[in-house]
Each structure stands twice: as C-alpha cells, then as structure tokens.
N, C-alpha and C. Protein backbone atom coordinates (compact mmCIF):
# COMPACT_ATOMS: atom_id res chain seq x y z
N MET A 1 52.12 -6.84 -8.07
CA MET A 1 51.12 -7.02 -9.01
C MET A 1 50.28 -5.58 -9.05
N PRO A 2 49.78 -5.34 -7.84
CA PRO A 2 48.74 -4.27 -8.03
C PRO A 2 49.79 -2.88 -8.39
N ASN A 3 51.07 -2.78 -8.20
CA ASN A 3 51.87 -1.85 -8.55
C ASN A 3 51.88 -1.52 -9.80
N PHE A 4 52.04 -2.62 -10.51
CA PHE A 4 52.13 -2.86 -12.00
C PHE A 4 50.71 -2.06 -12.73
N TYR A 5 49.40 -2.54 -12.27
CA TYR A 5 48.38 -2.01 -12.64
C TYR A 5 48.17 -0.64 -12.50
N SER A 6 48.60 -0.29 -11.46
CA SER A 6 48.52 1.54 -11.19
C SER A 6 49.21 2.08 -11.99
N ARG A 7 50.65 1.54 -11.93
CA ARG A 7 51.75 2.32 -13.06
C ARG A 7 51.09 2.10 -14.66
N PHE A 8 50.50 1.06 -14.80
CA PHE A 8 49.91 1.04 -16.25
C PHE A 8 48.79 1.79 -16.50
N LEU A 9 47.98 1.94 -15.67
CA LEU A 9 46.86 2.76 -15.49
C LEU A 9 47.22 4.19 -15.75
N LEU A 10 48.24 4.80 -14.97
CA LEU A 10 48.88 6.01 -14.89
C LEU A 10 49.54 6.37 -16.32
N TRP A 11 50.18 5.21 -17.02
CA TRP A 11 50.70 5.49 -18.36
C TRP A 11 49.60 5.54 -19.30
N VAL A 12 48.63 4.95 -19.34
CA VAL A 12 47.51 5.01 -20.34
C VAL A 12 46.74 6.70 -20.30
N VAL A 13 46.72 7.00 -19.07
CA VAL A 13 46.16 8.40 -18.65
C VAL A 13 46.87 9.29 -19.41
N LEU A 14 48.20 9.11 -18.94
CA LEU A 14 49.09 10.29 -19.51
C LEU A 14 49.25 10.06 -21.01
N CYS A 15 49.20 8.96 -21.54
CA CYS A 15 49.31 8.84 -23.03
C CYS A 15 48.09 9.50 -23.75
N ALA A 16 47.07 9.30 -23.11
CA ALA A 16 45.66 9.99 -23.65
C ALA A 16 45.59 11.46 -23.58
N LEU A 17 46.20 11.91 -22.55
CA LEU A 17 46.26 13.30 -22.46
C LEU A 17 47.24 13.84 -23.47
N THR A 18 48.43 13.10 -23.51
CA THR A 18 49.45 13.70 -24.65
C THR A 18 48.82 13.55 -26.05
N TYR A 19 48.15 12.64 -26.31
CA TYR A 19 47.25 12.48 -27.59
C TYR A 19 46.40 13.57 -27.82
N GLN A 20 45.72 14.07 -26.74
CA GLN A 20 44.62 15.27 -27.03
C GLN A 20 45.26 16.29 -26.95
N SER A 21 46.46 16.70 -26.35
CA SER A 21 47.42 17.85 -26.56
C SER A 21 47.76 18.08 -27.77
N MET A 22 48.07 16.75 -28.64
CA MET A 22 48.77 16.83 -29.74
C MET A 22 47.81 16.89 -30.92
N ALA A 23 46.41 16.85 -30.58
CA ALA A 23 45.41 16.77 -31.67
C ALA A 23 45.66 18.28 -32.32
N GLN A 24 45.08 18.45 -33.41
CA GLN A 24 45.22 19.58 -34.14
C GLN A 24 43.96 20.42 -33.88
N ALA A 25 44.03 21.54 -33.73
CA ALA A 25 42.68 22.23 -33.79
C ALA A 25 42.06 22.50 -35.24
N PRO A 26 40.82 22.46 -35.20
CA PRO A 26 40.03 22.53 -36.42
C PRO A 26 40.35 23.67 -37.20
N VAL A 27 40.28 23.84 -38.39
CA VAL A 27 40.66 24.86 -39.34
C VAL A 27 39.44 24.96 -40.26
N LEU A 28 39.17 26.29 -40.50
CA LEU A 28 38.17 26.56 -41.59
C LEU A 28 38.65 26.58 -42.99
N LEU A 29 38.33 25.53 -43.71
CA LEU A 29 38.95 25.15 -45.30
C LEU A 29 38.30 26.30 -46.21
N THR A 30 36.98 26.04 -46.15
CA THR A 30 36.25 26.61 -47.49
C THR A 30 34.89 27.45 -46.81
N ARG A 31 34.78 28.63 -47.68
CA ARG A 31 33.55 29.34 -47.26
C ARG A 31 32.66 29.60 -48.60
N VAL A 32 31.46 29.37 -48.50
CA VAL A 32 30.71 29.61 -49.52
C VAL A 32 29.28 30.43 -49.20
N PRO A 33 28.87 31.66 -49.70
CA PRO A 33 29.81 32.32 -50.48
C PRO A 33 31.49 32.58 -49.99
N VAL A 34 32.26 32.86 -51.01
CA VAL A 34 33.49 33.02 -50.94
C VAL A 34 33.59 34.75 -50.13
N ARG A 35 34.70 34.88 -49.56
CA ARG A 35 35.27 36.13 -48.92
C ARG A 35 35.30 37.09 -49.86
N ASN A 36 34.56 38.33 -49.48
CA ASN A 36 34.41 39.62 -50.50
C ASN A 36 33.76 39.30 -51.85
N ALA A 37 32.88 38.22 -51.89
CA ALA A 37 32.09 38.00 -53.05
C ALA A 37 31.15 39.18 -53.20
N VAL A 38 30.72 39.57 -54.43
CA VAL A 38 29.84 40.61 -54.75
C VAL A 38 28.68 39.72 -55.50
N ALA A 39 27.50 40.37 -55.42
CA ALA A 39 26.50 39.95 -56.42
C ALA A 39 25.97 38.49 -56.00
N VAL A 40 26.10 38.25 -54.57
CA VAL A 40 25.81 36.87 -54.39
C VAL A 40 24.07 37.06 -54.49
N SER A 41 23.62 35.80 -54.78
CA SER A 41 22.09 35.63 -55.01
C SER A 41 21.42 35.91 -53.52
N LEU A 42 20.25 36.28 -53.58
CA LEU A 42 19.44 36.57 -52.49
C LEU A 42 18.75 35.22 -51.99
N ASN A 43 18.99 34.14 -52.76
CA ASN A 43 18.62 32.96 -52.16
C ASN A 43 19.66 31.80 -51.49
N SER A 44 21.00 32.77 -51.38
CA SER A 44 22.02 31.86 -51.10
C SER A 44 21.97 31.28 -49.31
N ILE A 45 22.65 30.07 -49.33
CA ILE A 45 23.23 29.46 -47.83
C ILE A 45 24.46 29.93 -47.75
N ILE A 46 24.72 29.89 -46.28
CA ILE A 46 26.19 29.93 -46.20
C ILE A 46 26.62 28.63 -45.94
N ARG A 47 27.69 28.06 -46.28
CA ARG A 47 28.44 26.91 -46.13
C ARG A 47 29.77 27.04 -45.65
N LEU A 48 30.18 26.66 -44.46
CA LEU A 48 31.36 26.67 -44.13
C LEU A 48 32.11 25.07 -43.70
N THR A 49 33.00 24.93 -44.47
CA THR A 49 33.77 23.49 -44.60
C THR A 49 34.92 23.63 -43.43
N PHE A 50 35.01 22.62 -42.56
CA PHE A 50 35.86 22.58 -41.49
C PHE A 50 36.96 21.38 -41.74
N SER A 51 38.05 21.27 -41.11
CA SER A 51 39.04 20.17 -41.32
C SER A 51 38.60 18.95 -40.51
N GLN A 52 37.86 19.12 -39.44
CA GLN A 52 37.19 18.03 -38.71
C GLN A 52 35.77 17.99 -38.47
N PRO A 53 35.02 16.90 -38.03
CA PRO A 53 33.46 17.12 -37.73
C PRO A 53 33.43 18.02 -36.64
N MET A 54 32.47 18.82 -36.74
CA MET A 54 32.19 20.04 -35.57
C MET A 54 31.16 19.68 -34.59
N SER A 55 31.36 20.26 -33.68
CA SER A 55 30.31 20.19 -32.41
C SER A 55 28.98 20.78 -32.81
N ALA A 56 27.95 20.29 -32.06
CA ALA A 56 26.64 20.97 -32.10
C ALA A 56 26.63 22.47 -31.97
N GLN A 57 27.61 22.88 -31.01
CA GLN A 57 27.83 24.46 -30.76
C GLN A 57 28.10 24.96 -31.94
N ALA A 58 28.84 24.32 -32.71
CA ALA A 58 29.35 25.03 -34.07
C ALA A 58 28.15 25.34 -35.00
N ALA A 59 27.36 24.60 -35.10
CA ALA A 59 26.25 24.76 -35.81
C ALA A 59 24.99 25.47 -34.89
N SER A 60 25.40 26.51 -34.40
CA SER A 60 24.35 27.36 -33.78
C SER A 60 24.31 28.65 -33.75
N VAL A 61 23.74 29.50 -33.25
CA VAL A 61 23.97 30.84 -33.28
C VAL A 61 25.21 31.23 -32.48
N ALA A 62 25.37 30.80 -31.39
CA ALA A 62 26.52 31.00 -30.51
C ALA A 62 27.95 30.82 -31.13
N GLY A 63 27.99 29.82 -31.98
CA GLY A 63 29.19 29.52 -32.86
C GLY A 63 29.26 30.24 -33.91
N ILE A 64 28.32 30.40 -34.87
CA ILE A 64 28.61 31.24 -36.25
C ILE A 64 27.33 32.26 -36.12
N ALA A 65 27.90 33.50 -36.31
CA ALA A 65 26.90 34.52 -36.10
C ALA A 65 26.94 35.03 -37.38
N VAL A 66 25.63 35.44 -37.97
CA VAL A 66 25.35 35.82 -39.25
C VAL A 66 24.81 37.03 -39.00
N ALA A 67 25.37 38.30 -39.67
CA ALA A 67 24.59 39.45 -39.49
C ALA A 67 24.53 40.20 -40.72
N SER A 68 23.64 41.37 -40.77
CA SER A 68 23.48 42.04 -42.01
C SER A 68 23.89 43.62 -41.55
N ASN A 69 24.34 44.48 -42.39
CA ASN A 69 24.57 45.65 -42.19
C ASN A 69 23.35 46.47 -42.18
N LEU A 70 22.34 45.97 -42.66
CA LEU A 70 21.17 46.92 -42.88
C LEU A 70 20.04 46.50 -41.70
N ARG A 71 20.10 45.15 -41.29
CA ARG A 71 19.24 44.56 -40.49
C ARG A 71 19.42 43.91 -39.03
N GLY A 72 20.83 43.90 -38.76
CA GLY A 72 21.41 43.19 -37.71
C GLY A 72 21.43 41.69 -37.79
N ARG A 73 21.16 40.90 -36.77
CA ARG A 73 21.28 39.50 -37.00
C ARG A 73 20.27 39.01 -37.78
N VAL A 74 20.85 37.99 -38.59
CA VAL A 74 19.95 37.20 -39.82
C VAL A 74 19.35 36.10 -39.19
N PRO A 75 18.02 35.88 -39.18
CA PRO A 75 17.63 34.66 -38.63
C PRO A 75 17.70 33.67 -39.57
N GLY A 76 17.68 32.41 -39.07
CA GLY A 76 17.77 31.19 -40.00
C GLY A 76 18.25 29.84 -39.35
N THR A 77 18.38 28.76 -39.86
CA THR A 77 18.63 27.64 -39.21
C THR A 77 19.96 27.03 -39.62
N TYR A 78 20.49 26.12 -38.68
CA TYR A 78 21.92 25.83 -38.80
C TYR A 78 21.67 24.25 -38.90
N SER A 79 22.61 23.71 -39.82
CA SER A 79 22.63 22.12 -39.69
C SER A 79 24.01 21.63 -39.96
N GLY A 80 24.27 20.30 -40.00
CA GLY A 80 25.46 20.08 -40.03
C GLY A 80 26.48 19.62 -38.72
N ALA A 81 25.74 19.70 -37.71
CA ALA A 81 26.41 19.17 -36.37
C ALA A 81 27.19 17.86 -36.41
N GLY A 82 28.28 17.59 -36.04
CA GLY A 82 28.80 15.90 -36.15
C GLY A 82 29.49 16.12 -37.57
N THR A 83 29.34 16.78 -38.37
CA THR A 83 30.12 16.76 -39.69
C THR A 83 31.03 17.66 -40.02
N PRO A 84 31.92 17.72 -40.80
CA PRO A 84 32.91 18.87 -41.26
C PRO A 84 32.28 20.20 -41.85
N THR A 85 31.16 20.00 -42.48
CA THR A 85 30.38 21.02 -43.13
C THR A 85 29.13 21.62 -42.39
N VAL A 86 29.18 22.80 -41.92
CA VAL A 86 28.12 23.58 -41.29
C VAL A 86 27.35 24.53 -42.26
N VAL A 87 26.01 24.30 -42.23
CA VAL A 87 25.33 25.14 -43.26
C VAL A 87 24.41 25.94 -42.42
N PHE A 88 24.18 27.42 -42.85
CA PHE A 88 23.31 28.43 -42.42
C PHE A 88 22.08 28.63 -43.43
N THR A 89 20.77 28.51 -43.20
CA THR A 89 19.90 28.82 -44.08
C THR A 89 19.03 29.90 -43.76
N PRO A 90 19.25 31.18 -44.20
CA PRO A 90 18.40 32.39 -43.79
C PRO A 90 16.95 31.88 -43.79
N SER A 91 16.13 32.45 -42.83
CA SER A 91 14.78 32.36 -42.88
C SER A 91 14.01 32.83 -44.08
N GLN A 92 14.48 34.12 -44.45
CA GLN A 92 14.19 34.96 -45.50
C GLN A 92 15.11 35.05 -46.31
N ARG A 93 14.77 35.65 -47.72
CA ARG A 93 15.56 35.92 -48.76
C ARG A 93 16.52 37.23 -48.20
N LEU A 94 17.88 37.29 -48.71
CA LEU A 94 18.81 38.18 -48.22
C LEU A 94 18.17 39.61 -48.74
N VAL A 95 18.62 40.70 -48.46
CA VAL A 95 18.25 41.91 -48.89
C VAL A 95 19.23 42.37 -49.95
N VAL A 96 18.54 43.06 -51.11
CA VAL A 96 19.25 43.56 -52.00
C VAL A 96 20.41 44.61 -51.71
N GLY A 97 21.53 44.47 -51.80
CA GLY A 97 22.68 45.09 -51.79
C GLY A 97 23.33 45.33 -50.30
N GLU A 98 22.67 44.25 -49.49
CA GLU A 98 23.49 44.26 -48.11
C GLU A 98 24.58 43.67 -47.88
N ARG A 99 25.48 43.95 -46.98
CA ARG A 99 26.66 43.30 -46.71
C ARG A 99 26.41 42.23 -45.61
N ILE A 100 26.75 41.07 -45.65
CA ILE A 100 26.56 40.07 -44.74
C ILE A 100 27.87 39.67 -44.22
N ASP A 101 28.02 39.86 -42.82
CA ASP A 101 29.10 39.36 -41.95
C ASP A 101 28.89 38.15 -41.28
N VAL A 102 29.88 37.20 -41.45
CA VAL A 102 30.00 35.90 -40.93
C VAL A 102 31.06 35.65 -40.04
N THR A 103 30.62 35.50 -38.78
CA THR A 103 31.70 35.38 -37.57
C THR A 103 31.88 34.01 -37.16
N VAL A 104 33.12 33.16 -37.04
CA VAL A 104 32.84 31.90 -36.32
C VAL A 104 33.59 32.42 -35.05
N THR A 105 32.70 32.19 -34.01
CA THR A 105 33.07 32.57 -32.68
C THR A 105 33.99 31.62 -31.89
N ALA A 106 34.60 32.32 -30.83
CA ALA A 106 35.68 31.23 -30.11
C ALA A 106 34.86 30.17 -29.43
N GLN A 107 33.57 30.00 -29.32
CA GLN A 107 32.78 28.92 -28.77
C GLN A 107 32.77 27.66 -29.71
N VAL A 108 33.52 27.86 -31.04
CA VAL A 108 33.37 26.86 -31.81
C VAL A 108 34.38 25.66 -31.58
N THR A 109 33.95 24.22 -31.21
CA THR A 109 35.02 23.29 -31.24
C THR A 109 34.73 22.22 -32.16
N SER A 110 35.54 21.38 -32.18
CA SER A 110 35.37 20.24 -32.79
C SER A 110 34.62 19.11 -32.14
N GLN A 111 34.12 17.95 -32.79
CA GLN A 111 33.40 16.98 -31.92
C GLN A 111 34.19 16.53 -30.96
N ALA A 112 35.38 16.66 -31.28
CA ALA A 112 36.41 15.97 -30.19
C ALA A 112 36.70 16.90 -28.91
N GLY A 113 36.14 18.26 -28.98
CA GLY A 113 36.09 19.38 -27.94
C GLY A 113 37.22 20.16 -28.18
N ILE A 114 38.05 20.10 -29.09
CA ILE A 114 39.25 21.02 -29.45
C ILE A 114 38.88 22.22 -29.93
N ALA A 115 39.13 23.39 -29.35
CA ALA A 115 38.79 24.79 -29.88
C ALA A 115 39.61 25.12 -31.05
N MET A 116 38.91 26.00 -31.99
CA MET A 116 39.62 26.52 -33.04
C MET A 116 40.75 27.36 -32.67
N ALA A 117 41.76 27.30 -33.47
CA ALA A 117 43.07 28.11 -33.11
C ALA A 117 42.94 29.60 -33.17
N ASN A 118 42.28 30.18 -34.26
CA ASN A 118 41.62 31.26 -34.35
C ASN A 118 40.43 31.64 -34.73
N ARG A 119 39.94 32.85 -34.40
CA ARG A 119 38.31 33.03 -34.81
C ARG A 119 38.55 33.50 -36.03
N SER A 120 37.43 33.26 -37.00
CA SER A 120 37.51 33.88 -38.20
C SER A 120 36.24 34.49 -38.55
N SER A 121 36.23 35.38 -39.36
CA SER A 121 35.20 36.20 -39.96
C SER A 121 35.25 36.74 -41.45
N TYR A 122 34.27 37.04 -41.84
CA TYR A 122 34.32 37.42 -43.41
C TYR A 122 33.05 37.89 -43.85
N SER A 123 33.21 38.64 -44.84
CA SER A 123 31.87 39.43 -45.57
C SER A 123 31.66 39.10 -47.00
N PHE A 124 30.44 39.37 -47.45
CA PHE A 124 30.09 39.37 -48.82
C PHE A 124 28.99 40.30 -49.05
N LEU A 125 28.68 40.55 -50.27
CA LEU A 125 27.77 41.62 -50.51
C LEU A 125 26.82 40.94 -51.50
N THR A 126 25.45 41.09 -51.17
CA THR A 126 24.14 40.53 -52.20
C THR A 126 24.23 41.41 -53.31
N ALA A 127 23.47 40.68 -54.25
CA ALA A 127 23.18 41.29 -55.72
C ALA A 127 22.40 42.42 -55.37
N ALA A 128 22.39 43.34 -56.40
CA ALA A 128 21.77 44.65 -56.49
C ALA A 128 20.50 44.09 -57.57
N SER A 129 19.52 44.53 -57.30
CA SER A 129 18.31 44.21 -58.54
C SER A 129 18.55 44.82 -59.75
N GLY A 130 18.27 43.92 -60.95
CA GLY A 130 18.74 44.56 -62.01
C GLY A 130 17.49 45.79 -62.47
N GLY A 131 18.05 46.40 -63.50
CA GLY A 131 17.10 47.52 -64.12
C GLY A 131 17.10 47.31 -65.75
N SER A 132 16.38 48.19 -66.25
CA SER A 132 16.01 48.00 -67.62
C SER A 132 17.41 48.56 -68.31
N GLY A 133 18.26 49.37 -67.65
CA GLY A 133 19.11 50.05 -68.45
C GLY A 133 18.88 51.22 -69.17
N SER A 134 17.66 51.63 -69.27
CA SER A 134 17.33 52.68 -70.11
C SER A 134 16.79 53.95 -69.14
N PHE A 135 17.16 54.93 -69.59
CA PHE A 135 16.84 56.14 -68.75
C PHE A 135 15.82 57.01 -69.52
N PRO A 136 15.16 57.63 -68.81
CA PRO A 136 13.90 58.40 -69.53
C PRO A 136 14.64 59.74 -69.84
N GLY A 137 14.53 60.22 -71.26
CA GLY A 137 14.88 61.39 -71.34
C GLY A 137 13.96 62.75 -70.96
N PRO A 138 14.55 63.76 -71.23
CA PRO A 138 13.85 65.12 -70.33
C PRO A 138 12.62 64.91 -71.06
N PRO A 139 11.47 65.90 -70.59
CA PRO A 139 10.16 65.93 -71.06
C PRO A 139 10.20 67.07 -72.39
N GLU A 140 9.66 66.62 -73.11
CA GLU A 140 9.45 67.38 -74.42
C GLU A 140 8.90 68.74 -74.15
N VAL A 141 9.36 69.97 -74.09
CA VAL A 141 8.63 71.15 -73.88
C VAL A 141 8.52 71.85 -75.53
N PRO A 142 7.14 72.19 -75.95
CA PRO A 142 6.97 72.77 -77.14
C PRO A 142 7.84 74.18 -77.02
N LEU A 143 8.06 74.40 -78.33
CA LEU A 143 9.01 75.81 -78.57
C LEU A 143 7.85 77.08 -78.31
N ALA A 144 6.71 76.63 -78.63
CA ALA A 144 5.82 77.99 -78.57
C ALA A 144 5.51 78.48 -77.06
N THR A 145 5.88 77.53 -76.03
CA THR A 145 5.67 78.00 -74.76
C THR A 145 6.80 78.85 -74.27
N ILE A 146 7.92 78.78 -74.92
CA ILE A 146 8.94 79.52 -74.61
C ILE A 146 8.96 80.97 -74.94
C-alpha cells in the first residue's frame, strides 16, 4: 500500500508540472494611449491590459519602464497588481511635445509566475500647446523715412 501512495504522489507532482508547463504566457492585449498615438493629453495615464492577472512585479518600475525623450525616467505610481490591468499615473503632467517610451521588461510575470513570451515596447507623442493661429505682420515703416 505505501508503494501505491508514493506512485500516486509522484503522478500528482508530474501532472502539476505538466499543467504549469502547458500554461500560456501572459500577452499584452491593449495599450492606452495606443502605439504611435500623437497629440496625447498631458494629463494622460498609461493603462496596459494583459491576458492574465499580473504579479506585483508587473506593477512596478522594474516591470514597466516609462521614459521621456526630454527628461529620462518619468516618475509616477503603479497600480493593478493582481489584476489583468496595470496603470501608471505620472506624478506630474507630461511635457508638451515629448515622446514617451513604455517598455514591458523581461521581469514581468503573471500572478501564476509565468513570464511573458516577448518583451514589449511602444511610444506615443504628447500634444503640442495650442496657439492663436495668427502671425503678426511686419512692422509698418513710414515712407518718409526711406
């Protein structure tokens, strides 16, 4: 009888290992703002939705890097650990006309501990400030001075 239990226990362990190896890697489904977006609001948050609930590592600087071409790493807070949606909220407004690069690093795993199959990165551009659209003409020069 003890031989039966040891074989059964071995079978359970092998099934669990096989199930974990068959489990699918998380996939990045949606990005907000979208890839290559232009004129993104300066008050925007970044929202990434995955195919599975993500670990606390995913909702951190080590998991999702947000950088600006004008000022380097963008400071902010992360939320959404344990859910499929990770949100980055910048501490300050984004800068006019900057390119924001978002990188999902190799450290990102699902809540089940499964790593993403591929690293992902994308960029978007923030809105430029509006102007009046009118340009001043040249100064008037009286003819008598010529």
